[in-house]
């Protein structure tokens, strides 16, 4: 079972992160535990993964590898107020848009939504795919995504800069809040999680198709006028905005101004519009 866990969460091997849970403090504003984070300063071993599951040490992994490939990634769904955070809302969206994301509760009670791949792919491709999933999930464009780095670079001394790691689930064999849930928000033990995670793995070709289909699904139910525009604008037209600003009208005006009539034809100058 440990070997399967390691295979799922294999990333950069030259170092790994440690979260010191013994000194964790509560952020009362967000109702979120904040431990001390540090890099171990040595290559990771199988024993470190085993100690993590045994609850002896809480580890984190940088998903990006030295060859600029990655085999797993994650969308970190955070909340300003965890007391009102509803996991079920996101589980329903996973089903609606057929996203092969495996939801795991984070140490703070938010969601780490993992995407597992059948084989390593370029890191930039995975980051792009995860960003495309932010739209149907109704998440802000600046939502935290792992890996954060597209590649690992060297410092002035020629040593690798490991960047950012993500804390792994099933610390202490899931006897904390860091465990997976099924589509009905029921807790999964480690064995069941591994089964579902392996079933959810996706290949590069299917991932590309899924990203295309995700954008198409966003356009369902919107006016045909949005068919050549940014998907975020189409999605915004389908949802009620409660922030007191008419962002839709503003961004629609930006979109409309990018339709320039040239020689009697309409040419769209595409750009990303942040809603």
Foldseek 3Di string as FASTA:
>chain_A
DLVLVCVQQDAEFFKKKWFDQVQWDAPVQARFTHTDMDIPRGGDDSVVSVLQLQQNTWIWDQQHYQVQWGFKKWFWFGDSHLVPDDPLLQLVLCVVLVPLWWWWQDLGRTTITMAGAPDIDHLVLVVVLVLLVCQSSVHFSPGDMPPPDSHWDADPVRHTDSHDTDTAANGSQNPGRGATADSVRHGDGPVVSSVSNVVSHYYPVVSVVSSVSSLVVLQPPFDPVCVPADSNLSNVVVDDDDPPDPVNVVVVVVQVVQQDQDPNDTDGDYDDDGD
